[in-house]
Amino acid sequence: MSAVAQVRIADADQKGLITIGIADMAVSQDPSARLITYALGSCIGVTLYDPVARVGGMLHFMLPNAATNEAKAAEKPGMFGDVGIPLLFKAAYDLGARKERLVVCAAGGAEVIDDDGQFRVGSRNRTILRKLFWKNNILLAADDTGGNISRTMSMSLADGAVTIRTKGTERVLWPL
């Protein structure tokens, strides 16, 4: 199976949700759907939305670089930022999204494991995200990254609104 084929094209379940698991990604044109991912600790959630094509997508990646485990990257490309992010964008383009119209948000990348700063997975994930976006001239419309708390991220496909829930409190990340 090709890597792009591993991006789900999804419709909402009975509750109106498209759940994005860890190392998972999906795109959709279902205006009744809400994409949601849970437990963004050191992982990062990336959303993209094209308001004209009404295409949205979400990725929940765990690690920055596929080179650390190429076999796992071939099996589960959404696990790695450097592979998953381009695949998410490509899948959205395949559904009619255009780069210049995309609203892109990110959340997560926290340092939730007390490892005395040895691994700094959250920081490394934030770095790969920013490097990829800088290299490809993509601006984040909004982000909630860093710190030391876990987040739940969701996006409405009706209007692209992104919300973040932490410790039982929900707030709108985009639009600002």
C-alpha atoms as a PDB file:
ATOM      1  CA  MET A   1       0.000   0.000   0.000  1.00  0.00           C
ATOM      2  CA  SER A   2       1.350   3.441  -0.870  1.00  0.00           C
ATOM      3  CA  ALA A   3       1.937   5.929   1.921  1.00  0.00           C
ATOM      4  CA  VAL A   4      -0.695   8.349   0.566  1.00  0.00           C
ATOM      5  CA  ALA A   5      -3.196   5.485   0.618  1.00  0.00           C
ATOM      6  CA  GLN A   6      -2.596   5.273   4.371  1.00  0.00           C
ATOM      7  CA  VAL A   7      -4.311   8.638   4.895  1.00  0.00           C
ATOM      8  CA  ARG A   8      -7.944   7.798   5.585  1.00  0.00           C
ATOM      9  CA  ILE A   9     -10.680   9.595   3.691  1.00  0.00           C
ATOM     10  CA  ALA A  10     -13.299   9.523   6.408  1.00  0.00           C
ATOM     11  CA  ASP A  11     -16.913  10.334   7.180  1.00  0.00           C
ATOM     12  CA  ALA A  12     -18.305  11.001  10.632  1.00  0.00           C
ATOM     13  CA  ASP A  13     -19.554   8.249  12.920  1.00  0.00           C
ATOM     14  CA  GLN A  14     -23.024   8.326  14.546  1.00  0.00           C
ATOM     15  CA  LYS A  15     -21.831  10.994  16.999  1.00  0.00           C
ATOM     16  CA  GLY A  16     -20.485  13.205  14.212  1.00  0.00           C
ATOM     17  CA  LEU A  17     -16.855  12.416  15.048  1.00  0.00           C
ATOM     18  CA  ILE A  18     -13.846  11.257  13.075  1.00  0.00           C
ATOM     19  CA  THR A  19     -11.403  10.074  15.724  1.00  0.00           C
ATOM     20  CA  ILE A  20      -7.712  10.365  14.901  1.00  0.00           C
ATOM     21  CA  GLY A  21      -5.660   7.912  16.920  1.00  0.00           C
ATOM     22  CA  ILE A  22      -1.983   8.124  17.771  1.00  0.00           C
ATOM     23  CA  ALA A  23       0.148   7.846  14.588  1.00  0.00           C
ATOM     24  CA  ASP A  24      -3.031   8.310  12.558  1.00  0.00           C
ATOM     25  CA  MET A  25      -4.332  10.844  10.044  1.00  0.00           C
ATOM     26  CA  ALA A  26      -7.463  11.469   8.024  1.00  0.00           C
ATOM     27  CA  VAL A  27      -8.978  13.951   5.600  1.00  0.00           C
ATOM     28  CA  SER A  28     -12.649  14.581   4.966  1.00  0.00           C
ATOM     29  CA  GLN A  29     -15.202  16.663   3.109  1.00  0.00           C
ATOM     30  CA  ASP A  30     -18.044  15.722   5.458  1.00  0.00           C
ATOM     31  CA  PRO A  31     -19.386  19.107   6.696  1.00  0.00           C
ATOM     32  CA  SER A  32     -21.199  17.429   9.582  1.00  0.00           C
ATOM     33  CA  ALA A  33     -17.966  15.953  10.977  1.00  0.00           C
ATOM     34  CA  ARG A  34     -15.681  16.985  13.785  1.00  0.00           C
ATOM     35  CA  LEU A  35     -12.116  15.631  13.655  1.00  0.00           C
ATOM     36  CA  ILE A  36     -10.806  14.910  17.138  1.00  0.00           C
ATOM     37  CA  THR A  37      -7.627  13.538  18.697  1.00  0.00           C
ATOM     38  CA  TYR A  38      -6.906  12.857  22.345  1.00  0.00           C
ATOM     39  CA  ALA A  39      -3.857  12.779  24.597  1.00  0.00           C
ATOM     40  CA  LEU A  40      -1.525  15.159  22.764  1.00  0.00           C
ATOM     41  CA  GLY A  41       1.334  15.111  25.241  1.00  0.00           C
ATOM     42  CA  SER A  42       4.703  15.163  23.499  1.00  0.00           C
ATOM     43  CA  CYS A  43       2.842  14.213  20.295  1.00  0.00           C
ATOM     44  CA  ILE A  44       1.636  16.969  17.984  1.00  0.00           C
ATOM     45  CA  GLY A  45      -1.731  17.344  16.332  1.00  0.00           C
ATOM     46  CA  VAL A  46      -1.837  19.229  13.033  1.00  0.00           C
ATOM     47  CA  THR A  47      -5.079  20.413  11.451  1.00  0.00           C
ATOM     48  CA  LEU A  48      -5.594  21.906   8.035  1.00  0.00           C
ATOM     49  CA  TYR A  49      -8.735  23.366   6.503  1.00  0.00           C
ATOM     50  CA  ASP A  50      -9.559  24.845   3.110  1.00  0.00           C
ATOM     51  CA  PRO A  51     -12.699  27.006   3.499  1.00  0.00           C
ATOM     52  CA  VAL A  52     -13.388  27.078  -0.259  1.00  0.00           C
ATOM     53  CA  ALA A  53     -12.988  23.360  -1.034  1.00  0.00           C
ATOM     54  CA  ARG A  54     -14.370  22.573   2.456  1.00  0.00           C
ATOM     55  CA  VAL A  55     -11.682  19.972   2.965  1.00  0.00           C
ATOM     56  CA  GLY A  56     -10.155  19.328   6.363  1.00  0.00           C
ATOM     57  CA  GLY A  57      -7.585  16.995   7.799  1.00  0.00           C
ATOM     58  CA  MET A  58      -5.804  16.051  10.987  1.00  0.00           C
ATOM     59  CA  LEU A  59      -2.599  14.220  11.897  1.00  0.00           C
ATOM     60  CA  HIS A  60      -1.446  12.982  15.322  1.00  0.00           C
ATOM     61  CA  PHE A  61       2.294  12.290  15.099  1.00  0.00           C
ATOM     62  CA  MET A  62       4.511  10.877  17.848  1.00  0.00           C
ATOM     63  CA  LEU A  63       8.101  11.323  16.733  1.00  0.00           C
ATOM     64  CA  PRO A  64       9.955  13.821  14.542  1.00  0.00           C
ATOM     65  CA  ASN A  65      12.018  11.700  12.133  1.00  0.00           C
ATOM     66  CA  ALA A  66      11.217   8.532  10.213  1.00  0.00           C
ATOM     67  CA  ALA A  67      14.937   7.778   9.867  1.00  0.00           C
ATOM     68  CA  THR A  68      14.882   6.431  13.438  1.00  0.00           C
ATOM     69  CA  ASN A  69      12.740   3.486  12.297  1.00  0.00           C
ATOM     70  CA  GLU A  70      12.219   3.252   8.532  1.00  0.00           C
ATOM     71  CA  ALA A  71      10.323  -0.040   8.742  1.00  0.00           C
ATOM     72  CA  LYS A  72       7.819   1.458  11.178  1.00  0.00           C
ATOM     73  CA  ALA A  73       7.568   4.600   9.002  1.00  0.00           C
ATOM     74  CA  ALA A  74       6.641   2.474   5.974  1.00  0.00           C
ATOM     75  CA  GLU A  75       3.980   0.670   8.011  1.00  0.00           C
ATOM     76  CA  LYS A  76       2.640   3.703   9.931  1.00  0.00           C
ATOM     77  CA  PRO A  77       3.783   6.990   8.288  1.00  0.00           C
ATOM     78  CA  GLY A  78       1.543   9.066  10.564  1.00  0.00           C
ATOM     79  CA  MET A  79       3.837   8.171  13.449  1.00  0.00           C
ATOM     80  CA  PHE A  80       6.533  10.557  12.186  1.00  0.00           C
ATOM     81  CA  GLY A  81       6.237  14.296  11.546  1.00  0.00           C
ATOM     82  CA  ASP A  82       8.651  14.436   8.637  1.00  0.00           C
ATOM     83  CA  VAL A  83       6.629  11.818   6.722  1.00  0.00           C
ATOM     84  CA  GLY A  84       3.106  12.339   8.062  1.00  0.00           C
ATOM     85  CA  ILE A  85       2.844  16.091   7.554  1.00  0.00           C
ATOM     86  CA  PRO A  86       3.575  16.014   3.794  1.00  0.00           C
ATOM     87  CA  LEU A  87       1.194  13.057   3.361  1.00  0.00           C
ATOM     88  CA  LEU A  88      -1.612  14.920   5.141  1.00  0.00           C
ATOM     89  CA  PHE A  89      -1.162  17.947   2.881  1.00  0.00           C
ATOM     90  CA  LYS A  90      -1.002  15.756  -0.256  1.00  0.00           C
ATOM     91  CA  ALA A  91      -4.208  13.946   0.700  1.00  0.00           C
ATOM     92  CA  ALA A  92      -5.988  17.290   1.236  1.00  0.00           C
ATOM     93  CA  TYR A  93      -4.729  18.552  -2.145  1.00  0.00           C
ATOM     94  CA  ASP A  94      -6.064  15.367  -3.746  1.00  0.00           C
ATOM     95  CA  LEU A  95      -9.539  16.349  -2.445  1.00  0.00           C
ATOM     96  CA  GLY A  96      -9.287  19.851  -3.926  1.00  0.00           C
ATOM     97  CA  ALA A  97      -7.602  21.871  -1.158  1.00  0.00           C
ATOM     98  CA  ARG A  98      -5.184  24.586  -2.257  1.00  0.00           C
ATOM     99  CA  LYS A  99      -2.078  25.528  -0.286  1.00  0.00           C
ATOM    100  CA  GLU A 100      -2.719  29.283  -0.446  1.00  0.00           C
ATOM    101  CA  ARG A 101      -6.158  28.882   1.183  1.00  0.00           C
ATOM    102  CA  LEU A 102      -5.206  26.488   3.981  1.00  0.00           C
ATOM    103  CA  VAL A 103      -5.736  27.378   7.610  1.00  0.00           C
ATOM    104  CA  VAL A 104      -3.183  25.318   9.549  1.00  0.00           C
ATOM    105  CA  CYS A 105      -3.106  24.860  13.337  1.00  0.00           C
ATOM    106  CA  ALA A 106      -1.019  22.748  15.713  1.00  0.00           C
ATOM    107  CA  ALA A 107      -1.209  21.628  19.342  1.00  0.00           C
ATOM    108  CA  GLY A 108       0.825  19.422  21.662  1.00  0.00           C
ATOM    109  CA  GLY A 109       4.573  19.042  21.775  1.00  0.00           C
ATOM    110  CA  ALA A 110       4.646  19.218  25.565  1.00  0.00           C
ATOM    111  CA  GLU A 111       7.332  17.809  27.832  1.00  0.00           C
ATOM    112  CA  VAL A 112       5.111  15.489  29.863  1.00  0.00           C
ATOM    113  CA  ILE A 113       7.701  12.858  30.764  1.00  0.00           C
ATOM    114  CA  ASP A 114      10.104  13.745  33.553  1.00  0.00           C
ATOM    115  CA  ASP A 115      13.306  12.501  31.949  1.00  0.00           C
ATOM    116  CA  ASP A 116      15.558  15.379  33.075  1.00  0.00           C
ATOM    117  CA  GLY A 117      15.433  16.783  29.542  1.00  0.00           C
ATOM    118  CA  GLN A 118      17.259  13.765  28.138  1.00  0.00           C
ATOM    119  CA  PHE A 119      14.896  12.921  25.267  1.00  0.00           C
ATOM    120  CA  ARG A 120      12.907  16.169  24.845  1.00  0.00           C
ATOM    121  CA  VAL A 121      10.483  14.526  22.403  1.00  0.00           C
ATOM    122  CA  GLY A 122       8.005  17.404  22.581  1.00  0.00           C
ATOM    123  CA  SER A 123      10.701  19.940  21.755  1.00  0.00           C
ATOM    124  CA  ARG A 124      12.041  17.817  18.901  1.00  0.00           C
ATOM    125  CA  ASN A 125       8.510  17.433  17.520  1.00  0.00           C
ATOM    126  CA  ARG A 126       7.962  21.207  17.646  1.00  0.00           C
ATOM    127  CA  THR A 127      11.285  21.729  15.850  1.00  0.00           C
ATOM    128  CA  ILE A 128      10.460  19.381  12.948  1.00  0.00           C
ATOM    129  CA  LEU A 129       7.032  20.983  12.578  1.00  0.00           C
ATOM    130  CA  ARG A 130       8.503  24.464  12.315  1.00  0.00           C
ATOM    131  CA  LYS A 131      11.318  23.354   9.992  1.00  0.00           C
ATOM    132  CA  LEU A 132       8.897  21.673   7.584  1.00  0.00           C
ATOM    133  CA  PHE A 133       6.526  24.629   7.609  1.00  0.00           C
ATOM    134  CA  TRP A 134       9.326  27.156   7.153  1.00  0.00           C
ATOM    135  CA  LYS A 135      10.854  25.163   4.292  1.00  0.00           C
ATOM    136  CA  ASN A 136       7.458  24.912   2.554  1.00  0.00           C
ATOM    137  CA  ASN A 137       6.320  28.487   3.257  1.00  0.00           C
ATOM    138  CA  ILE A 138       3.392  27.452   5.456  1.00  0.00           C
ATOM    139  CA  LEU A 139       2.271  29.691   8.289  1.00  0.00           C
ATOM    140  CA  LEU A 140       0.461  28.476  11.362  1.00  0.00           C
ATOM    141  CA  ALA A 141      -2.819  30.345  11.843  1.00  0.00           C
ATOM    142  CA  ALA A 142      -2.683  29.375  15.536  1.00  0.00           C
ATOM    143  CA  ASP A 143      -0.881  26.967  17.816  1.00  0.00           C
ATOM    144  CA  ASP A 144      -0.934  25.741  21.384  1.00  0.00           C
ATOM    145  CA  THR A 145       2.365  23.913  21.769  1.00  0.00           C
ATOM    146  CA  GLY A 146       4.951  23.355  24.471  1.00  0.00           C
ATOM    147  CA  GLY A 147       4.439  23.440  28.212  1.00  0.00           C
ATOM    148  CA  ASN A 148       3.845  20.290  30.207  1.00  0.00           C
ATOM    149  CA  ILE A 149       0.137  19.506  29.805  1.00  0.00           C
ATOM    150  CA  SER A 150      -1.746  17.053  27.621  1.00  0.00           C
ATOM    151  CA  ARG A 151      -4.361  18.379  25.193  1.00  0.00           C
ATOM    152  CA  THR A 152      -7.370  17.208  23.204  1.00  0.00           C
ATOM    153  CA  MET A 153      -7.700  18.923  19.822  1.00  0.00           C
ATOM    154  CA  SER A 154     -10.753  19.039  17.600  1.00  0.00           C
ATOM    155  CA  MET A 155     -11.775  20.751  14.380  1.00  0.00           C
ATOM    156  CA  SER A 156     -15.226  21.325  12.927  1.00  0.00           C
ATOM    157  CA  LEU A 157     -15.433  20.655   9.197  1.00  0.00           C
ATOM    158  CA  ALA A 158     -18.439  22.986   8.955  1.00  0.00           C
ATOM    159  CA  ASP A 159     -16.249  26.065   9.477  1.00  0.00           C
ATOM    160  CA  GLY A 160     -12.694  24.954  10.342  1.00  0.00           C
ATOM    161  CA  ALA A 161     -12.972  26.070  13.984  1.00  0.00           C
ATOM    162  CA  VAL A 162     -10.286  24.427  16.137  1.00  0.00           C
ATOM    163  CA  THR A 163     -10.750  23.885  19.866  1.00  0.00           C
ATOM    164  CA  ILE A 164      -8.352  22.735  22.561  1.00  0.00           C
ATOM    165  CA  ARG A 165      -9.383  21.032  25.795  1.00  0.00           C
ATOM    166  CA  THR A 166      -7.002  20.825  28.743  1.00  0.00           C
ATOM    167  CA  LYS A 167      -7.857  19.789  32.271  1.00  0.00           C
ATOM    168  CA  GLY A 168     -11.594  19.934  31.545  1.00  0.00           C
ATOM    169  CA  THR A 169     -11.523  23.444  30.075  1.00  0.00           C
ATOM    170  CA  GLU A 170     -12.226  23.988  26.389  1.00  0.00           C
ATOM    171  CA  ARG A 171     -11.223  27.064  24.400  1.00  0.00           C
ATOM    172  CA  VAL A 172     -11.231  28.109  20.766  1.00  0.00           C
ATOM    173  CA  LEU A 173      -7.756  28.108  19.185  1.00  0.00           C
ATOM    174  CA  TRP A 174      -8.935  29.282  15.763  1.00  0.00           C
ATOM    175  CA  PRO A 175     -10.504  31.547  14.669  1.00  0.00           C
ATOM    176  CA  LEU A 176      -8.877  33.910  17.123  1.00  0.00           C
END
